[in-house]
């Protein structure tokens, strides 16, 4: 039975969505093609009708994830430093730490991205540069923008790595506090 082009694209999108959630919850490399396909109600053999390889699926997943993250974090032109502060609060939230499947791919898949091919790492690099440039424009400090991004991702990795709820909240709260101080210090330096 032949399926329409729209059916194939719908299945591809369902597979991307399901794979995104599975990968961010339990890792991409550790999940087999059969499990990925079973999540959308298909057999492993049907996978290759949608992607030429598992690595191609990973690249497509990361491209979508980074585009989404960049859109959320960089925001629209004309927004001010308050946008960065809002992003930091949302990013370093308890909900984001507790639900990796619906959050940023970097804390969940950073190690796998680092081991991926240059195509995947290039997509991530370009997305990070767009966010950094946006935040640098709002904060007036290129170094601060990189530090904010690195602190966010690192804090979320640590918050997800601990068992204790109290420790998780301390990591996130301390990071939000530290970053608020860094933003305030940067603002004060620019005004002087």
Foldseek 3Di string as FASTA:
>chain_A
DDDDPVVLVVLLVVLLLQLLLCCLVPHLVVDDLQNSQVVSPDGSVCVCVNPVDSLRSVLVSLLVLLVVVLCQQLDDPPDALVSNLVSLPVLLDPVCLVRRSPHHCCLRCVVVLVVHDPSSVVSNVVSLVSNLVSNCVRLVHSVLSVVSVVLSSVLSNVLNPDDDPVVSVVSSVVSSVVNVVVSVVSVVVVVD
